[in-house]
Amino acid sequence: MSDLSLLALQRAGLPRFAGATMPDQLVAGRDAARAVLQKYVPKLDFDVAGAKATLQQIAVWEERNSTLLGAALADPSASSLPEQIRLAFGADKARQFVLGVYTEAAKGIGPWTSGAVAREAATGQLIAPRWAEEDAESRLQVFGSIVKMDQDGYLQQLWVPPTGTQGLGLPVAPILVWAVVVTLVAVAGLILLYLYNARRLDQNNKVMAQICENAQKQGDQATIAECLKATVGLQQQGMFQGLDDLMKALGKLIFWGGLAYVGIKFALPALLEHQATRRGRAHA
C-alpha cells in the first residue's frame, strides 16, 4: 500500500465484521453493506458511465492534491480539509460510484465461499497467499466503507434530497441532482480507500473469473454454485473489464449448467428407456 492509502485506512476507522474464517467475514461484510445500500436502492442498479466518471474525477483529485491530502490525513487534530482541496461533485454520480464499487466487491466472493481461493493460494500456482489476503482486505474495506459512510450520515446526504427541494416542483431522487462537497478529512479518507480498492478489484476480478472458469473445466460443482450465487441480485454489467470477464465466465457456467440439467432431466431418462426397450426386445 502507498503512504496515502495507509493514512486513509488509518483515518477511516472502518468497522470489522464477525466470522471465524475469512469467507465468513466476507459474507458478513457483504450482507451488512447490502442492507445499507438497499435502504436507498433496493435493486442495487447503477449507471456504469456515471460510476466511471466519478472514479476518474476522484483519481484526478487525488493525484493533484496528494501532498496536501497526506498532510491532512496524518494530522490527528485536523477535521476539515483545506478549502483549496475540497472535492465537489453531483450527488447522482457519487451514488453510482458507491454502487459500482460495491458490485465489484460483492460479485467476486464466490471463489472465497467455495474454498477455491484457499486451495489456489495453498498451491501457489494461480495466486499467492499474500494476494489472497490483500484481495479479502480490499473487499472488506469496500464493505466497511459503506457501513461507515452510512453511520456517519454521508450516504444519506447522497440519496436523500436536501430540505426544501420537495416544494420547488422538481423531480425527486435519483433524477434530482444536487451538489455534494467533501469537507471532512474522515470522509476524504473513505473516498480515497474506495478509489484504491476499486483499482485493485479491477485486476483481482480477472483472477476470480479464471478461478470460476477453471471450476467449470474441472467439474468443481461447489465453486460453480458459489460463483453463480455471488451474482444474485446484482447488476450484470460492471465498471471494469475484470468484472465483465467474471460475468462472461459465469455466463459459460450457466450455459453448461443448463446443458447438464437438460441432460439429466430429459436426455438421460430417454436413453435409459431406450436401452430398456432394446433389452426387452433382445429377450423376446
Protein backbone atom coordinates (compact mmCIF):
# COMPACT_ATOMS: atom_id res chain seq x y z
CA MET A 1 0.00 0.00 0.00
CA SER A 2 1.13 3.57 -0.66
CA ASP A 3 1.70 6.01 2.17
CA LEU A 4 -1.50 7.86 1.27
CA SER A 5 -3.59 4.70 1.20
CA LEU A 6 -2.22 3.68 4.61
CA LEU A 7 -3.06 7.10 6.02
CA ALA A 8 -6.56 6.88 4.52
CA LEU A 9 -7.09 3.48 6.09
CA GLN A 10 -5.87 4.63 9.49
CA ARG A 11 -8.11 7.69 9.40
CA ALA A 12 -11.22 5.89 8.14
CA GLY A 13 -11.90 3.88 11.30
CA LEU A 14 -13.63 1.07 9.45
CA PRO A 15 -15.78 -1.49 11.27
CA ARG A 16 -14.68 -5.12 11.39
CA PHE A 17 -17.01 -7.96 10.53
CA ALA A 18 -17.51 -11.06 12.64
CA GLY A 19 -16.63 -14.51 11.37
CA ALA A 20 -14.45 -17.45 12.30
CA THR A 21 -12.99 -17.62 8.78
CA MET A 22 -12.22 -15.11 6.06
CA PRO A 23 -15.14 -16.31 3.89
CA ASP A 24 -17.43 -15.83 6.91
CA GLN A 25 -16.18 -12.26 7.35
CA LEU A 26 -16.61 -11.50 3.67
CA VAL A 27 -20.20 -12.74 3.68
CA ALA A 28 -20.95 -10.76 6.85
CA GLY A 29 -19.43 -7.63 5.34
CA ARG A 30 -21.23 -8.04 2.04
CA ASP A 31 -24.57 -8.59 3.77
CA ALA A 32 -24.09 -5.56 6.03
CA ALA A 33 -23.17 -3.31 3.10
CA ARG A 34 -26.02 -4.69 1.00
CA ALA A 35 -28.53 -3.97 3.77
CA VAL A 36 -27.27 -0.38 3.96
CA LEU A 37 -27.47 0.24 0.22
CA GLN A 38 -30.87 -1.40 -0.20
CA LYS A 39 -32.35 1.22 2.11
CA TYR A 40 -31.75 3.63 -0.75
CA VAL A 41 -31.61 1.43 -3.89
CA PRO A 42 -33.48 -1.87 -3.40
CA LYS A 43 -32.38 -3.33 -6.74
CA LEU A 44 -28.75 -2.14 -6.44
CA ASP A 45 -28.71 -0.98 -10.05
CA PHE A 46 -26.38 1.80 -11.16
CA ASP A 47 -25.21 3.76 -14.19
CA VAL A 48 -21.82 2.43 -15.32
CA ALA A 49 -20.84 5.60 -17.16
CA GLY A 50 -21.64 7.73 -14.14
CA ALA A 51 -19.64 5.46 -11.86
CA LYS A 52 -16.61 5.57 -14.15
CA ALA A 53 -16.84 9.36 -14.49
CA THR A 54 -16.81 9.80 -10.73
CA LEU A 55 -13.89 7.38 -10.32
CA GLN A 56 -11.92 9.39 -12.86
CA GLN A 57 -12.77 12.67 -11.14
CA ILE A 58 -11.65 11.33 -7.77
CA ALA A 59 -8.45 9.90 -9.30
CA VAL A 60 -7.55 13.31 -10.76
CA TRP A 61 -8.34 14.99 -7.42
CA GLU A 62 -6.13 12.51 -5.56
CA GLU A 63 -3.23 12.93 -7.99
CA ARG A 64 -3.32 16.73 -7.93
CA ASN A 65 -3.66 17.04 -4.16
CA SER A 66 -1.77 14.03 -2.81
CA THR A 67 0.67 16.07 -0.74
CA LEU A 68 -1.99 18.18 0.97
CA LEU A 69 -4.28 15.19 1.41
CA GLY A 70 -1.45 13.25 3.05
CA ALA A 71 -0.75 16.11 5.44
CA ALA A 72 -4.43 16.39 6.40
CA LEU A 73 -4.82 12.65 6.95
CA ALA A 74 -1.63 12.48 9.01
CA ASP A 75 -2.70 15.29 11.33
CA PRO A 76 -4.94 13.81 14.07
CA SER A 77 -6.13 17.28 15.03
CA ALA A 78 -7.37 18.11 11.51
CA SER A 79 -11.07 17.57 10.99
CA SER A 80 -11.69 19.68 7.87
CA LEU A 81 -9.89 19.71 4.54
CA PRO A 82 -8.21 22.93 3.41
CA GLU A 83 -10.68 24.78 1.23
CA GLN A 84 -8.48 24.59 -1.87
CA ILE A 85 -8.57 20.76 -1.96
CA ARG A 86 -12.21 20.12 -1.12
CA LEU A 87 -13.90 17.76 -3.55
CA ALA A 88 -17.24 18.66 -5.13
CA PHE A 89 -19.42 16.53 -7.40
CA GLY A 90 -23.04 15.84 -8.21
CA ALA A 91 -24.77 13.53 -5.74
CA ASP A 92 -26.03 11.31 -8.53
CA LYS A 93 -22.56 10.47 -9.84
CA ALA A 94 -21.33 9.81 -6.32
CA ARG A 95 -24.20 7.34 -5.83
CA GLN A 96 -23.24 5.49 -9.00
CA PHE A 97 -19.64 5.21 -7.80
CA VAL A 98 -20.63 3.80 -4.42
CA LEU A 99 -22.93 1.21 -6.00
CA GLY A 100 -20.48 0.32 -8.75
CA VAL A 101 -17.56 -0.46 -6.46
CA TYR A 102 -19.81 -2.42 -4.09
CA THR A 103 -20.90 -4.55 -7.06
CA GLU A 104 -17.25 -5.19 -7.97
CA ALA A 105 -16.50 -6.31 -4.42
CA ALA A 106 -19.59 -8.48 -3.94
CA LYS A 107 -19.54 -10.37 -7.24
CA GLY A 108 -16.06 -11.73 -6.71
CA ILE A 109 -16.50 -13.59 -3.42
CA GLY A 110 -17.84 -16.86 -4.87
CA PRO A 111 -14.39 -18.48 -5.08
CA TRP A 112 -13.84 -17.43 -1.47
CA THR A 113 -17.02 -19.00 -0.11
CA SER A 114 -16.44 -22.24 -2.03
CA GLY A 115 -12.93 -22.64 -0.65
CA ALA A 116 -11.33 -22.32 -4.10
CA VAL A 117 -9.26 -19.28 -3.12
CA ALA A 118 -7.78 -21.09 -0.13
CA ARG A 119 -6.94 -24.10 -2.29
CA GLU A 120 -5.38 -21.98 -5.03
CA ALA A 121 -3.34 -19.99 -2.51
CA ALA A 122 -2.07 -23.22 -0.94
CA THR A 123 -0.72 -24.46 -4.28
CA GLY A 124 0.69 -21.06 -5.25
CA GLN A 125 0.11 -21.72 -8.95
CA LEU A 126 -2.56 -19.15 -9.80
CA ILE A 127 -2.42 -16.93 -6.71
CA ALA A 128 -0.17 -16.48 -3.69
CA PRO A 129 -1.31 -16.38 -0.04
CA ARG A 130 -0.39 -12.68 0.12
CA TRP A 131 -2.57 -11.97 -2.92
CA ALA A 132 -5.49 -13.73 -1.26
CA GLU A 133 -5.05 -11.72 1.95
CA GLU A 134 -4.94 -8.43 0.06
CA ASP A 135 -7.95 -9.36 -2.06
CA ALA A 136 -10.03 -10.16 1.03
CA GLU A 137 -8.91 -6.96 2.71
CA SER A 138 -9.89 -4.89 -0.34
CA ARG A 139 -13.38 -6.35 -0.37
CA LEU A 140 -13.77 -5.92 3.38
CA GLN A 141 -12.62 -2.30 3.12
CA VAL A 142 -15.27 -1.61 0.48
CA PHE A 143 -17.98 -3.18 2.62
CA GLY A 144 -16.70 -1.44 5.74
CA SER A 145 -16.54 1.93 3.98
CA ILE A 146 -20.20 1.65 3.00
CA VAL A 147 -21.25 0.84 6.56
CA LYS A 148 -19.08 3.67 7.95
CA MET A 149 -20.36 6.23 5.45
CA ASP A 150 -23.90 5.31 6.43
CA GLN A 151 -23.12 5.51 10.14
CA ASP A 152 -21.65 8.98 9.64
CA GLY A 153 -24.66 10.16 7.63
CA TYR A 154 -22.73 10.61 4.41
CA LEU A 155 -24.81 8.18 2.34
CA GLN A 156 -27.98 9.92 3.45
CA GLN A 157 -26.54 13.15 2.02
CA LEU A 158 -26.12 11.38 -1.32
CA TRP A 159 -29.57 9.80 -1.54
CA VAL A 160 -31.97 11.99 0.43
CA PRO A 161 -32.86 15.33 -1.22
CA PRO A 162 -31.85 18.42 0.76
CA THR A 163 -34.57 20.13 2.77
CA GLY A 164 -36.74 22.36 0.61
CA THR A 165 -36.35 20.59 -2.74
CA GLN A 166 -39.73 18.89 -2.44
CA GLY A 167 -41.52 22.23 -2.57
CA LEU A 168 -39.79 23.50 -5.70
CA GLY A 169 -41.79 21.44 -8.16
CA LEU A 170 -38.68 19.46 -9.08
CA PRO A 171 -38.39 15.69 -9.52
CA VAL A 172 -37.01 13.80 -6.53
CA ALA A 173 -34.02 11.46 -6.28
CA PRO A 174 -32.48 9.81 -8.16
CA ILE A 175 -33.38 12.19 -11.04
CA LEU A 176 -32.77 15.31 -8.99
CA VAL A 177 -29.06 16.13 -8.80
CA TRP A 178 -27.60 18.30 -6.08
CA ALA A 179 -24.02 19.23 -5.32
CA VAL A 180 -22.08 17.48 -2.60
CA VAL A 181 -18.82 18.87 -1.21
CA VAL A 182 -16.36 16.73 0.72
CA THR A 183 -15.08 18.91 3.53
CA LEU A 184 -14.27 16.40 6.29
CA VAL A 185 -10.92 14.65 6.47
CA ALA A 186 -12.58 11.42 7.60
CA VAL A 187 -14.88 11.35 4.57
CA ALA A 188 -11.95 12.14 2.27
CA GLY A 189 -10.16 9.11 3.72
CA LEU A 190 -13.14 6.88 3.00
CA ILE A 191 -13.39 8.12 -0.58
CA LEU A 192 -9.67 7.54 -1.16
CA LEU A 193 -9.98 4.00 0.20
CA TYR A 194 -12.87 3.40 -2.17
CA LEU A 195 -10.74 4.61 -5.07
CA TYR A 196 -7.74 2.43 -4.22
CA ASN A 197 -9.85 -0.68 -3.72
CA ALA A 198 -11.74 -0.08 -6.96
CA ARG A 199 -8.41 -0.16 -8.80
CA ARG A 200 -7.34 -3.38 -7.12
CA LEU A 201 -10.67 -5.13 -7.68
CA ASP A 202 -10.47 -4.26 -11.37
CA GLN A 203 -7.48 -6.60 -11.61
CA ASN A 204 -8.49 -9.14 -8.97
CA ASN A 205 -11.83 -9.95 -10.53
CA LYS A 206 -9.99 -11.11 -13.64
CA VAL A 207 -8.35 -13.75 -11.47
CA MET A 208 -11.70 -14.65 -9.90
CA ALA A 209 -13.09 -15.10 -13.42
CA GLN A 210 -10.27 -17.53 -14.16
CA ILE A 211 -11.00 -19.50 -10.98
CA CYS A 212 -14.66 -19.77 -11.95
CA GLU A 213 -13.78 -20.91 -15.46
CA ASN A 214 -11.33 -23.47 -14.08
CA ALA A 215 -14.08 -24.78 -11.81
CA GLN A 216 -16.25 -25.45 -14.85
CA LYS A 217 -13.44 -27.28 -16.64
CA GLN A 218 -12.66 -29.36 -13.54
CA GLY A 219 -16.27 -30.14 -12.68
CA ASP A 220 -15.99 -28.32 -9.35
CA GLN A 221 -19.72 -28.02 -8.70
CA ALA A 222 -19.33 -26.31 -5.32
CA THR A 223 -17.30 -23.45 -6.78
CA ILE A 224 -19.59 -23.15 -9.80
CA ALA A 225 -22.58 -22.83 -7.48
CA GLU A 226 -20.87 -20.22 -5.30
CA CYS A 227 -19.66 -18.20 -8.31
CA LEU A 228 -23.25 -18.01 -9.53
CA LYS A 229 -24.71 -17.39 -6.08
CA ALA A 230 -22.47 -14.35 -5.53
CA THR A 231 -24.08 -12.60 -8.52
CA VAL A 232 -27.70 -12.97 -7.40
CA GLY A 233 -29.46 -9.60 -7.15
CA LEU A 234 -26.55 -7.67 -8.66
CA GLN A 235 -26.24 -5.80 -11.93
CA GLN A 236 -24.55 -7.83 -14.66
CA GLN A 237 -22.56 -5.04 -16.32
CA GLY A 238 -19.68 -3.85 -14.16
CA MET A 239 -17.40 -0.83 -14.07
CA PHE A 240 -14.31 -2.68 -15.25
CA GLN A 241 -13.22 -5.40 -17.64
CA GLY A 242 -12.35 -7.60 -14.66
CA LEU A 243 -15.99 -7.85 -13.66
CA ASP A 244 -17.11 -8.22 -17.26
CA ASP A 245 -14.67 -11.13 -17.59
CA LEU A 246 -16.15 -12.62 -14.45
CA MET A 247 -19.67 -12.32 -15.82
CA LYS A 248 -18.62 -13.93 -19.11
CA ALA A 249 -17.15 -16.81 -17.14
CA LEU A 250 -20.37 -17.12 -15.15
CA GLY A 251 -22.36 -17.00 -18.36
CA LYS A 252 -20.44 -20.06 -19.54
CA LEU A 253 -21.18 -21.76 -16.23
CA ILE A 254 -24.87 -21.02 -16.62
CA PHE A 255 -24.79 -22.34 -20.20
CA TRP A 256 -23.01 -25.58 -19.36
CA GLY A 257 -25.00 -25.96 -16.19
CA GLY A 258 -28.15 -25.62 -18.25
CA LEU A 259 -26.96 -28.29 -20.66
CA ALA A 260 -26.16 -30.60 -17.76
CA TYR A 261 -29.63 -30.01 -16.32
CA VAL A 262 -31.28 -30.78 -19.66
CA GLY A 263 -29.18 -33.91 -19.96
CA ILE A 264 -30.08 -35.17 -16.50
CA LYS A 265 -33.73 -34.13 -16.71
CA PHE A 266 -34.58 -35.30 -20.21
CA ALA A 267 -31.80 -36.99 -22.18
CA LEU A 268 -30.69 -39.48 -19.54
CA PRO A 269 -34.20 -40.88 -18.83
CA ALA A 270 -34.83 -41.17 -22.57
CA LEU A 271 -31.55 -43.02 -23.04
CA LEU A 272 -32.30 -45.40 -20.17
CA GLU A 273 -35.77 -46.05 -21.56
CA HIS A 274 -34.31 -46.73 -25.00
CA GLN A 275 -31.80 -49.19 -23.57
CA ALA A 276 -34.52 -50.95 -21.55
CA THR A 277 -36.62 -51.29 -24.71
CA ARG A 278 -33.69 -52.81 -26.61
CA ARG A 279 -33.03 -55.28 -23.78
CA GLY A 280 -36.69 -56.26 -23.78
CA ARG A 281 -36.62 -56.94 -27.50
CA ALA A 282 -33.44 -58.97 -27.15
CA HIS A 283 -35.06 -61.22 -24.53
CA ALA A 284 -38.27 -61.61 -26.53
